[in-house]
Amino acid sequence: MRNVNCMPSKPRLEWRPQAGADLLEIVAFIADDNPDAAQELKDEIERKVANLADFPKLHQLSPRVKGIREMVVRDNYIVFYREMPELVEIVSMVHARRCWPPVRKP
């Protein structure tokens, strides 16, 4: 008799290019005034995002966009992500005061 692992596999974590650009923009903005604080925030965001592969349903479903979850980091930054069985996709990251998704002009 074979030993079969019944545990579901952990989803992989993937950053969309826009989400990576969002993170770099936020860090660069903060680094202009305080490089140490910028690095601390970047490290914290990356650490929290890495945990999403283990707990993808931990954060609330977004009231803004169907199928997206929101993870708040330090009350000021929101990470938007999509969770699927094989993938946790980081979609975007914004300051809490920004409108997301952006409103498109007609």
PDB file of N, CA and C in Angstrom:
ATOM      1  N   MET A   1       0.845  -1.186   0.000  1.00  0.00           N
ATOM      2  CA  MET A   1       0.000   0.000   0.000  1.00  0.00           C
ATOM      3  C   MET A   1       0.887   1.245   0.000  1.00  0.00           C
ATOM      4  N   ARG A   2       0.567   2.191  -0.842  1.00  0.00           N
ATOM      5  CA  ARG A   2       1.358   3.414  -0.945  1.00  0.00           C
ATOM      6  C   ARG A   2       0.890   4.471   0.037  1.00  0.00           C
ATOM      7  N   ASN A   3       1.834   5.281   0.479  1.00  0.00           N
ATOM      8  CA  ASN A   3       1.529   6.403   1.363  1.00  0.00           C
ATOM      9  C   ASN A   3       1.198   7.612   0.494  1.00  0.00           C
ATOM     10  N   VAL A   4      -0.028   8.094   0.584  1.00  0.00           N
ATOM     11  CA  VAL A   4      -0.469   9.226  -0.230  1.00  0.00           C
ATOM     12  C   VAL A   4      -0.640  10.435   0.674  1.00  0.00           C
ATOM     13  N   ASN A   5      -0.017  11.504   0.284  1.00  0.00           N
ATOM     14  CA  ASN A   5      -0.144  12.749   1.045  1.00  0.00           C
ATOM     15  C   ASN A   5      -1.454  13.425   0.654  1.00  0.00           C
ATOM     16  N   CYS A   6      -2.345  13.572   1.611  1.00  0.00           N
ATOM     17  CA  CYS A   6      -3.659  14.158   1.334  1.00  0.00           C
ATOM     18  C   CYS A   6      -3.686  15.663   1.548  1.00  0.00           C
ATOM     19  N   MET A   7      -2.593  16.236   1.981  1.00  0.00           N
ATOM     20  CA  MET A   7      -2.547  17.676   2.200  1.00  0.00           C
ATOM     21  C   MET A   7      -2.503  18.393   0.854  1.00  0.00           C
ATOM     22  N   PRO A   8      -3.337  19.407   0.700  1.00  0.00           N
ATOM     23  CA  PRO A   8      -3.277  20.158  -0.556  1.00  0.00           C
ATOM     24  C   PRO A   8      -1.940  20.889  -0.651  1.00  0.00           C
ATOM     25  N   SER A   9      -1.459  21.058  -1.874  1.00  0.00           N
ATOM     26  CA  SER A   9      -0.189  21.750  -2.037  1.00  0.00           C
ATOM     27  C   SER A   9      -0.369  23.246  -1.783  1.00  0.00           C
ATOM     28  N   LYS A  10       0.687  23.855  -1.328  1.00  0.00           N
ATOM     29  CA  LYS A  10       0.693  25.281  -1.042  1.00  0.00           C
ATOM     30  C   LYS A  10       0.699  26.053  -2.367  1.00  0.00           C
ATOM     31  N   PRO A  11      -0.159  27.064  -2.493  1.00  0.00           N
ATOM     32  CA  PRO A  11      -0.160  27.828  -3.748  1.00  0.00           C
ATOM     33  C   PRO A  11       1.132  28.626  -3.895  1.00  0.00           C
ATOM     34  N   ARG A  12       1.533  28.852  -5.132  1.00  0.00           N
ATOM     35  CA  ARG A  12       2.718  29.678  -5.349  1.00  0.00           C
ATOM     36  C   ARG A  12       2.306  31.141  -5.257  1.00  0.00           C
ATOM     37  N   LEU A  13       3.259  31.973  -4.982  1.00  0.00           N
ATOM     38  CA  LEU A  13       3.043  33.404  -4.828  1.00  0.00           C
ATOM     39  C   LEU A  13       3.631  34.114  -6.033  1.00  0.00           C
ATOM     40  N   GLU A  14       2.852  35.011  -6.619  1.00  0.00           N
ATOM     41  CA  GLU A  14       3.315  35.716  -7.813  1.00  0.00           C
ATOM     42  C   GLU A  14       2.902  37.186  -7.743  1.00  0.00           C
ATOM     43  N   TRP A  15       3.866  38.068  -7.992  1.00  0.00           N
ATOM     44  CA  TRP A  15       3.598  39.504  -8.049  1.00  0.00           C
ATOM     45  C   TRP A  15       3.347  39.896  -9.506  1.00  0.00           C
ATOM     46  N   ARG A  16       2.239  40.553  -9.776  1.00  0.00           N
ATOM     47  CA  ARG A  16       2.040  41.130 -11.110  1.00  0.00           C
ATOM     48  C   ARG A  16       2.991  42.311 -11.240  1.00  0.00           C
ATOM     49  N   PRO A  17       3.431  42.619 -12.451  1.00  0.00           N
ATOM     50  CA  PRO A  17       4.371  43.727 -12.631  1.00  0.00           C
ATOM     51  C   PRO A  17       3.894  45.040 -11.998  1.00  0.00           C
ATOM     52  N   GLN A  18       2.608  45.337 -12.119  1.00  0.00           N
ATOM     53  CA  GLN A  18       2.089  46.582 -11.543  1.00  0.00           C
ATOM     54  C   GLN A  18       2.234  46.606 -10.027  1.00  0.00           C
ATOM     55  N   ALA A  19       2.019  45.474  -9.374  1.00  0.00           N
ATOM     56  CA  ALA A  19       2.150  45.415  -7.916  1.00  0.00           C
ATOM     57  C   ALA A  19       3.599  45.663  -7.501  1.00  0.00           C
ATOM     58  N   GLY A  20       4.546  45.084  -8.224  1.00  0.00           N
ATOM     59  CA  GLY A  20       5.955  45.324  -7.933  1.00  0.00           C
ATOM     60  C   GLY A  20       6.316  46.791  -8.128  1.00  0.00           C
ATOM     61  N   ALA A  21       5.798  47.389  -9.189  1.00  0.00           N
ATOM     62  CA  ALA A  21       6.041  48.810  -9.444  1.00  0.00           C
ATOM     63  C   ALA A  21       5.411  49.671  -8.350  1.00  0.00           C
ATOM     64  N   ASP A  22       4.221  49.281  -7.887  1.00  0.00           N
ATOM     65  CA  ASP A  22       3.559  50.017  -6.799  1.00  0.00           C
ATOM     66  C   ASP A  22       4.425  50.008  -5.548  1.00  0.00           C
ATOM     67  N   LEU A  23       4.952  48.840  -5.206  1.00  0.00           N
ATOM     68  CA  LEU A  23       5.791  48.722  -4.011  1.00  0.00           C
ATOM     69  C   LEU A  23       7.020  49.608  -4.136  1.00  0.00           C
ATOM     70  N   LEU A  24       7.691  49.554  -5.271  1.00  0.00           N
ATOM     71  CA  LEU A  24       8.898  50.363  -5.460  1.00  0.00           C
ATOM     72  C   LEU A  24       8.589  51.859  -5.407  1.00  0.00           C
ATOM     73  N   GLU A  25       7.450  52.256  -5.938  1.00  0.00           N
ATOM     74  CA  GLU A  25       7.044  53.665  -5.902  1.00  0.00           C
ATOM     75  C   GLU A  25       6.804  54.133  -4.469  1.00  0.00           C
ATOM     76  N   ILE A  26       6.121  53.313  -3.684  1.00  0.00           N
ATOM     77  CA  ILE A  26       5.850  53.652  -2.281  1.00  0.00           C
ATOM     78  C   ILE A  26       7.159  53.764  -1.504  1.00  0.00           C
ATOM     79  N   VAL A  27       8.030  52.789  -1.685  1.00  0.00           N
ATOM     80  CA  VAL A  27       9.307  52.776  -0.965  1.00  0.00           C
ATOM     81  C   VAL A  27      10.163  53.975  -1.366  1.00  0.00           C
ATOM     82  N   ALA A  28      10.222  54.300  -2.648  1.00  0.00           N
ATOM     83  CA  ALA A  28      11.014  55.440  -3.115  1.00  0.00           C
ATOM     84  C   ALA A  28      10.490  56.752  -2.537  1.00  0.00           C
ATOM     85  N   PHE A  29       9.168  56.882  -2.472  1.00  0.00           N
ATOM     86  CA  PHE A  29       8.565  58.100  -1.919  1.00  0.00           C
ATOM     87  C   PHE A  29       8.963  58.286  -0.454  1.00  0.00           C
ATOM     88  N   ILE A  30       8.873  57.219   0.324  1.00  0.00           N
ATOM     89  CA  ILE A  30       9.218  57.297   1.743  1.00  0.00           C
ATOM     90  C   ILE A  30      10.725  57.497   1.921  1.00  0.00           C
ATOM     91  N   ALA A  31      11.521  56.857   1.076  1.00  0.00           N
ATOM     92  CA  ALA A  31      12.983  56.926   1.188  1.00  0.00           C
ATOM     93  C   ALA A  31      13.509  58.340   0.985  1.00  0.00           C
ATOM     94  N   ASP A  32      12.783  59.179   0.269  1.00  0.00           N
ATOM     95  CA  ASP A  32      13.211  60.568   0.094  1.00  0.00           C
ATOM     96  C   ASP A  32      13.373  61.269   1.436  1.00  0.00           C
ATOM     97  N   ASP A  33      12.509  60.929   2.390  1.00  0.00           N
ATOM     98  CA  ASP A  33      12.568  61.543   3.721  1.00  0.00           C
ATOM     99  C   ASP A  33      13.247  60.656   4.756  1.00  0.00           C
ATOM    100  N   ASN A  34      13.067  59.320   4.621  1.00  0.00           N
ATOM    101  CA  ASN A  34      13.565  58.425   5.661  1.00  0.00           C
ATOM    102  C   ASN A  34      13.875  57.047   5.063  1.00  0.00           C
ATOM    103  N   PRO A  35      15.108  56.863   4.587  1.00  0.00           N
ATOM    104  CA  PRO A  35      15.475  55.587   3.954  1.00  0.00           C
ATOM    105  C   PRO A  35      15.306  54.371   4.866  1.00  0.00           C
ATOM    106  N   ASP A  36      15.596  54.535   6.154  1.00  0.00           N
ATOM    107  CA  ASP A  36      15.450  53.402   7.079  1.00  0.00           C
ATOM    108  C   ASP A  36      13.987  52.989   7.218  1.00  0.00           C
ATOM    109  N   ALA A  37      13.094  53.961   7.330  1.00  0.00           N
ATOM    110  CA  ALA A  37      11.664  53.663   7.442  1.00  0.00           C
ATOM    111  C   ALA A  37      11.157  53.010   6.159  1.00  0.00           C
ATOM    112  N   ALA A  38      11.672  53.462   5.023  1.00  0.00           N
ATOM    113  CA  ALA A  38      11.269  52.878   3.741  1.00  0.00           C
ATOM    114  C   ALA A  38      11.665  51.407   3.678  1.00  0.00           C
ATOM    115  N   GLN A  39      12.886  51.101   4.094  1.00  0.00           N
ATOM    116  CA  GLN A  39      13.352  49.705   4.065  1.00  0.00           C
ATOM    117  C   GLN A  39      12.556  48.838   5.043  1.00  0.00           C
ATOM    118  N   GLU A  40      12.249  49.392   6.226  1.00  0.00           N
ATOM    119  CA  GLU A  40      11.449  48.646   7.207  1.00  0.00           C
ATOM    120  C   GLU A  40      10.061  48.334   6.656  1.00  0.00           C
ATOM    121  N   LEU A  41       9.444  49.310   5.999  1.00  0.00           N
ATOM    122  CA  LEU A  41       8.121  49.082   5.428  1.00  0.00           C
ATOM    123  C   LEU A  41       8.195  48.034   4.319  1.00  0.00           C
ATOM    124  N   LYS A  42       9.178  48.152   3.446  1.00  0.00           N
ATOM    125  CA  LYS A  42       9.341  47.175   2.362  1.00  0.00           C
ATOM    126  C   LYS A  42       9.502  45.764   2.926  1.00  0.00           C
ATOM    127  N   ASP A  43      10.359  45.621   3.942  1.00  0.00           N
ATOM    128  CA  ASP A  43      10.572  44.313   4.560  1.00  0.00           C
ATOM    129  C   ASP A  43       9.275  43.774   5.174  1.00  0.00           C
ATOM    130  N   GLU A  44       8.528  44.647   5.847  1.00  0.00           N
ATOM    131  CA  GLU A  44       7.272  44.226   6.473  1.00  0.00           C
ATOM    132  C   GLU A  44       6.251  43.778   5.426  1.00  0.00           C
ATOM    133  N   ILE A  45       6.119  44.548   4.363  1.00  0.00           N
ATOM    134  CA  ILE A  45       5.166  44.186   3.304  1.00  0.00           C
ATOM    135  C   ILE A  45       5.564  42.854   2.680  1.00  0.00           C
ATOM    136  N   GLU A  46       6.841  42.694   2.354  1.00  0.00           N
ATOM    137  CA  GLU A  46       7.293  41.442   1.731  1.00  0.00           C
ATOM    138  C   GLU A  46       7.097  40.250   2.662  1.00  0.00           C
ATOM    139  N   ARG A  47       7.313  40.432   3.948  1.00  0.00           N
ATOM    140  CA  ARG A  47       7.124  39.356   4.932  1.00  0.00           C
ATOM    141  C   ARG A  47       5.640  38.966   5.020  1.00  0.00           C
ATOM    142  N   LYS A  48       4.773  39.968   5.081  1.00  0.00           N
ATOM    143  CA  LYS A  48       3.338  39.691   5.181  1.00  0.00           C
ATOM    144  C   LYS A  48       2.800  39.063   3.893  1.00  0.00           C
ATOM    145  N   VAL A  49       3.272  39.531   2.760  1.00  0.00           N
ATOM    146  CA  VAL A  49       2.846  38.952   1.482  1.00  0.00           C
ATOM    147  C   VAL A  49       3.304  37.496   1.392  1.00  0.00           C
ATOM    148  N   ALA A  50       4.511  37.203   1.849  1.00  0.00           N
ATOM    149  CA  ALA A  50       5.020  35.823   1.803  1.00  0.00           C
ATOM    150  C   ALA A  50       4.118  34.873   2.593  1.00  0.00           C
ATOM    151  N   ASN A  51       3.490  35.353   3.660  1.00  0.00           N
ATOM    152  CA  ASN A  51       2.600  34.520   4.466  1.00  0.00           C
ATOM    153  C   ASN A  51       1.280  34.212   3.770  1.00  0.00           C
ATOM    154  N   LEU A  52       0.947  34.959   2.721  1.00  0.00           N
ATOM    155  CA  LEU A  52      -0.319  34.727   2.025  1.00  0.00           C
ATOM    156  C   LEU A  52      -0.391  33.351   1.389  1.00  0.00           C
ATOM    157  N   ALA A  53       0.744  32.791   1.004  1.00  0.00           N
ATOM    158  CA  ALA A  53       0.730  31.446   0.419  1.00  0.00           C
ATOM    159  C   ALA A  53       0.245  30.413   1.437  1.00  0.00           C
ATOM    160  N   ASP A  54       0.532  30.647   2.718  1.00  0.00           N
ATOM    161  CA  ASP A  54       0.091  29.732   3.774  1.00  0.00           C
ATOM    162  C   ASP A  54      -1.341  30.009   4.227  1.00  0.00           C
ATOM    163  N   PHE A  55      -1.756  31.272   4.170  1.00  0.00           N
ATOM    164  CA  PHE A  55      -3.080  31.663   4.666  1.00  0.00           C
ATOM    165  C   PHE A  55      -3.774  32.607   3.681  1.00  0.00           C
ATOM    166  N   PRO A  56      -4.085  32.137   2.483  1.00  0.00           N
ATOM    167  CA  PRO A  56      -4.624  33.033   1.455  1.00  0.00           C
ATOM    168  C   PRO A  56      -6.011  33.593   1.754  1.00  0.00           C
ATOM    169  N   LYS A  57      -6.779  32.939   2.608  1.00  0.00           N
ATOM    170  CA  LYS A  57      -8.133  33.412   2.913  1.00  0.00           C
ATOM    171  C   LYS A  57      -8.186  34.254   4.188  1.00  0.00           C
ATOM    172  N   LEU A  58      -7.038  34.587   4.737  1.00  0.00           N
ATOM    173  CA  LEU A  58      -6.970  35.298   6.010  1.00  0.00           C
ATOM    174  C   LEU A  58      -7.598  36.688   5.951  1.00  0.00           C
ATOM    175  N   HIS A  59      -7.500  37.356   4.830  1.00  0.00           N
ATOM    176  CA  HIS A  59      -7.948  38.739   4.733  1.00  0.00           C
ATOM    177  C   HIS A  59      -9.287  38.849   4.018  1.00  0.00           C
ATOM    178  N   GLN A  60      -9.957  39.971   4.255  1.00  0.00           N
ATOM    179  CA  GLN A  60     -11.327  40.144   3.761  1.00  0.00           C
ATOM    180  C   GLN A  60     -11.405  40.260   2.249  1.00  0.00           C
ATOM    181  N   LEU A  61     -12.548  39.825   1.729  1.00  0.00           N
ATOM    182  CA  LEU A  61     -12.842  40.064   0.320  1.00  0.00           C
ATOM    183  C   LEU A  61     -13.041  41.558   0.121  1.00  0.00           C
ATOM    184  N   SER A  62     -12.558  42.060  -0.975  1.00  0.00           N
ATOM    185  CA  SER A  62     -12.642  43.487  -1.260  1.00  0.00           C
ATOM    186  C   SER A  62     -14.065  43.896  -1.592  1.00  0.00           C
ATOM    187  N   PRO A  63     -14.544  44.977  -0.989  1.00  0.00           N
ATOM    188  CA  PRO A  63     -15.844  45.512  -1.407  1.00  0.00           C
ATOM    189  C   PRO A  63     -15.724  46.303  -2.708  1.00  0.00           C
ATOM    190  N   ARG A  64     -14.468  46.560  -3.157  1.00  0.00           N
ATOM    191  CA  ARG A  64     -14.221  47.382  -4.345  1.00  0.00           C
ATOM    192  C   ARG A  64     -14.234  46.575  -5.635  1.00  0.00           C
ATOM    193  N   VAL A  65     -13.637  45.357  -5.586  1.00  0.00           N
ATOM    194  CA  VAL A  65     -13.484  44.557  -6.793  1.00  0.00           C
ATOM    195  C   VAL A  65     -13.800  43.101  -6.472  1.00  0.00           C
ATOM    196  N   LYS A  66     -14.718  42.531  -7.217  1.00  0.00           N
ATOM    197  CA  LYS A  66     -15.110  41.137  -7.012  1.00  0.00           C
ATOM    198  C   LYS A  66     -13.911  40.204  -7.257  1.00  0.00           C
ATOM    199  N   GLY A  67     -13.746  39.242  -6.366  1.00  0.00           N
ATOM    200  CA  GLY A  67     -12.704  38.238  -6.519  1.00  0.00           C
ATOM    201  C   GLY A  67     -11.335  38.654  -6.011  1.00  0.00           C
ATOM    202  N   ILE A  68     -11.242  39.819  -5.398  1.00  0.00           N
ATOM    203  CA  ILE A  68      -9.977  40.334  -4.875  1.00  0.00           C
ATOM    204  C   ILE A  68     -10.075  40.414  -3.353  1.00  0.00           C
ATOM    205  N   ARG A  69      -8.977  40.128  -2.688  1.00  0.00           N
ATOM    206  CA  ARG A  69      -8.888  40.287  -1.233  1.00  0.00           C
ATOM    207  C   ARG A  69      -7.991  41.472  -0.909  1.00  0.00           C
ATOM    208  N   GLU A  70      -8.176  42.030   0.293  1.00  0.00           N
ATOM    209  CA  GLU A  70      -7.397  43.187   0.727  1.00  0.00           C
ATOM    210  C   GLU A  70      -6.659  42.868   2.019  1.00  0.00           C
ATOM    211  N   MET A  71      -5.360  43.117   2.013  1.00  0.00           N
ATOM    212  CA  MET A  71      -4.554  42.983   3.222  1.00  0.00           C
ATOM    213  C   MET A  71      -4.055  44.377   3.590  1.00  0.00           C
ATOM    214  N   VAL A  72      -4.427  44.856   4.770  1.00  0.00           N
ATOM    215  CA  VAL A  72      -3.994  46.174   5.230  1.00  0.00           C
ATOM    216  C   VAL A  72      -2.662  46.017   5.956  1.00  0.00           C
ATOM    217  N   VAL A  73      -1.712  46.885   5.593  1.00  0.00           N
ATOM    218  CA  VAL A  73      -0.398  46.900   6.228  1.00  0.00           C
ATOM    219  C   VAL A  73      -0.222  48.260   6.884  1.00  0.00           C
ATOM    220  N   ARG A  74      -0.065  48.279   8.189  1.00  0.00           N
ATOM    221  CA  ARG A  74       0.153  49.517   8.964  1.00  0.00           C
ATOM    222  C   ARG A  74      -0.938  50.563   8.767  1.00  0.00           C
ATOM    223  N   ASP A  75      -2.139  50.198   8.555  1.00  0.00           N
ATOM    224  CA  ASP A  75      -3.285  51.102   8.386  1.00  0.00           C
ATOM    225  C   ASP A  75      -3.183  52.041   7.188  1.00  0.00           C
ATOM    226  N   ASN A  76      -1.998  52.196   6.597  1.00  0.00           N
ATOM    227  CA  ASN A  76      -1.841  53.159   5.512  1.00  0.00           C
ATOM    228  C   ASN A  76      -1.722  52.535   4.128  1.00  0.00           C
ATOM    229  N   TYR A  77      -1.413  51.264   4.059  1.00  0.00           N
ATOM    230  CA  TYR A  77      -1.161  50.617   2.775  1.00  0.00           C
ATOM    231  C   TYR A  77      -2.029  49.377   2.632  1.00  0.00           C
ATOM    232  N   ILE A  78      -2.561  49.191   1.435  1.00  0.00           N
ATOM    233  CA  ILE A  78      -3.429  48.053   1.167  1.00  0.00           C
ATOM    234  C   ILE A  78      -2.819  47.239   0.031  1.00  0.00           C
ATOM    235  N   VAL A  79      -2.671  45.945   0.270  1.00  0.00           N
ATOM    236  CA  VAL A  79      -2.212  45.013  -0.750  1.00  0.00           C
ATOM    237  C   VAL A  79      -3.455  44.302  -1.281  1.00  0.00           C
ATOM    238  N   PHE A  80      -3.659  44.378  -2.586  1.00  0.00           N
ATOM    239  CA  PHE A  80      -4.786  43.712  -3.229  1.00  0.00           C
ATOM    240  C   PHE A  80      -4.275  42.433  -3.871  1.00  0.00           C
ATOM    241  N   TYR A  81      -4.948  41.324  -3.566  1.00  0.00           N
ATOM    242  CA  TYR A  81      -4.497  40.050  -4.132  1.00  0.00           C
ATOM    243  C   TYR A  81      -5.668  39.151  -4.486  1.00  0.00           C
ATOM    244  N   ARG A  82      -5.390  38.246  -5.401  1.00  0.00           N
ATOM    245  CA  ARG A  82      -6.374  37.263  -5.856  1.00  0.00           C
ATOM    246  C   ARG A  82      -5.869  35.897  -5.401  1.00  0.00           C
ATOM    247  N   GLU A  83      -6.729  35.125  -4.768  1.00  0.00           N
ATOM    248  CA  GLU A  83      -6.312  33.786  -4.345  1.00  0.00           C
ATOM    249  C   GLU A  83      -7.042  32.734  -5.152  1.00  0.00           C
ATOM    250  N   MET A  84      -6.242  31.786  -5.645  1.00  0.00           N
ATOM    251  CA  MET A  84      -6.742  30.658  -6.423  1.00  0.00           C
ATOM    252  C   MET A  84      -6.100  29.403  -5.830  1.00  0.00           C
ATOM    253  N   PRO A  85      -6.600  28.215  -6.151  1.00  0.00           N
ATOM    254  CA  PRO A  85      -6.033  27.010  -5.543  1.00  0.00           C
ATOM    255  C   PRO A  85      -4.521  26.855  -5.730  1.00  0.00           C
ATOM    256  N   GLU A  86      -3.991  27.178  -6.897  1.00  0.00           N
ATOM    257  CA  GLU A  86      -2.560  26.990  -7.151  1.00  0.00           C
ATOM    258  C   GLU A  86      -1.760  28.271  -7.104  1.00  0.00           C
ATOM    259  N   LEU A  87      -2.429  29.425  -6.903  1.00  0.00           N
ATOM    260  CA  LEU A  87      -1.735  30.703  -7.042  1.00  0.00           C
ATOM    261  C   LEU A  87      -2.327  31.760  -6.128  1.00  0.00           C
ATOM    262  N   VAL A  88      -1.448  32.537  -5.484  1.00  0.00           N
ATOM    263  CA  VAL A  88      -1.839  33.780  -4.826  1.00  0.00           C
ATOM    264  C   VAL A  88      -1.157  34.874  -5.636  1.00  0.00           C
ATOM    265  N   GLU A  89      -1.966  35.712  -6.272  1.00  0.00           N
ATOM    266  CA  GLU A  89      -1.449  36.727  -7.183  1.00  0.00           C
ATOM    267  C   GLU A  89      -1.585  38.115  -6.559  1.00  0.00           C
ATOM    268  N   ILE A  90      -0.450  38.780  -6.334  1.00  0.00           N
ATOM    269  CA  ILE A  90      -0.455  40.137  -5.812  1.00  0.00           C
ATOM    270  C   ILE A  90      -0.754  41.051  -6.994  1.00  0.00           C
ATOM    271  N   VAL A  91      -1.875  41.757  -6.907  1.00  0.00           N
ATOM    272  CA  VAL A  91      -2.391  42.516  -8.041  1.00  0.00           C
ATOM    273  C   VAL A  91      -1.942  43.973  -8.002  1.00  0.00           C
ATOM    274  N   SER A  92      -2.034  44.596  -6.832  1.00  0.00           N
ATOM    275  CA  SER A  92      -1.708  46.014  -6.715  1.00  0.00           C
ATOM    276  C   SER A  92      -1.481  46.354  -5.253  1.00  0.00           C
ATOM    277  N   MET A  93      -0.898  47.515  -5.034  1.00  0.00           N
ATOM    278  CA  MET A  93      -0.681  48.009  -3.679  1.00  0.00           C
ATOM    279  C   MET A  93      -0.839  49.522  -3.721  1.00  0.00           C
ATOM    280  N   VAL A  94      -1.599  50.071  -2.782  1.00  0.00           N
ATOM    281  CA  VAL A  94      -1.837  51.516  -2.774  1.00  0.00           C
ATOM    282  C   VAL A  94      -1.819  52.059  -1.360  1.00  0.00           C
ATOM    283  N   HIS A  95      -1.618  53.367  -1.267  1.00  0.00           N
ATOM    284  CA  HIS A  95      -1.826  54.066  -0.001  1.00  0.00           C
ATOM    285  C   HIS A  95      -3.324  54.069   0.244  1.00  0.00           C
ATOM    286  N   ALA A  96      -3.727  53.956   1.486  1.00  0.00           N
ATOM    287  CA  ALA A  96      -5.148  53.826   1.819  1.00  0.00           C
ATOM    288  C   ALA A  96      -5.992  55.011   1.338  1.00  0.00           C
ATOM    289  N   ARG A  97      -5.394  56.158   1.123  1.00  0.00           N
ATOM    290  CA  ARG A  97      -6.158  57.323   0.667  1.00  0.00           C
ATOM    291  C   ARG A  97      -6.376  57.359  -0.841  1.00  0.00           C
ATOM    292  N   ARG A  98      -5.669  56.496  -1.565  1.00  0.00           N
ATOM    293  CA  ARG A  98      -5.832  56.472  -3.022  1.00  0.00           C
ATOM    294  C   ARG A  98      -7.070  55.684  -3.424  1.00  0.00           C
ATOM    295  N   CYS A  99      -7.628  56.053  -4.526  1.00  0.00           N
ATOM    296  CA  CYS A  99      -8.784  55.337  -5.074  1.00  0.00           C
ATOM    297  C   CYS A  99      -8.270  54.131  -5.870  1.00  0.00           C
ATOM    298  N   TRP A 100      -8.777  52.959  -5.536  1.00  0.00           N
ATOM    299  CA  TRP A 100      -8.419  51.755  -6.305  1.00  0.00           C
ATOM    300  C   TRP A 100      -9.648  50.886  -6.435  1.00  0.00           C
ATOM    301  N   PRO A 101      -9.928  50.357  -7.573  1.00  0.00           N
ATOM    302  CA  PRO A 101      -9.178  50.556  -8.809  1.00  0.00           C
ATOM    303  C   PRO A 101      -9.359  51.985  -9.308  1.00  0.00           C
ATOM    304  N   PRO A 102      -8.422  52.458 -10.134  1.00  0.00           N
ATOM    305  CA  PRO A 102      -8.537  53.823 -10.637  1.00  0.00           C
ATOM    306  C   PRO A 102      -9.838  54.011 -11.399  1.00  0.00           C
ATOM    307  N   VAL A 103     -10.402  55.180 -11.262  1.00  0.00           N
ATOM    308  CA  VAL A 103     -11.638  55.515 -11.982  1.00  0.00           C
ATOM    309  C   VAL A 103     -11.238  55.897 -13.401  1.00  0.00           C
ATOM    310  N   ARG A 104     -11.846  55.233 -14.356  1.00  0.00           N
ATOM    311  CA  ARG A 104     -11.552  55.526 -15.759  1.00  0.00           C
ATOM    312  C   ARG A 104     -12.448  56.656 -16.252  1.00  0.00           C
ATOM    313  N   LYS A 105     -11.828  57.584 -16.929  1.00  0.00           N
ATOM    314  CA  LYS A 105     -12.584  58.698 -17.482  1.00  0.00           C
ATOM    315  C   LYS A 105     -13.219  58.276 -18.805  1.00  0.00           C
ATOM    316  N   PRO A 106     -14.474  58.710 -19.052  1.00  0.00           N
ATOM    317  CA  PRO A 106     -15.148  58.312 -20.300  1.00  0.00           C
ATOM    318  C   PRO A 106     -14.511  58.936 -21.530  1.00  0.00           C
TER     319      PRO A 106
END
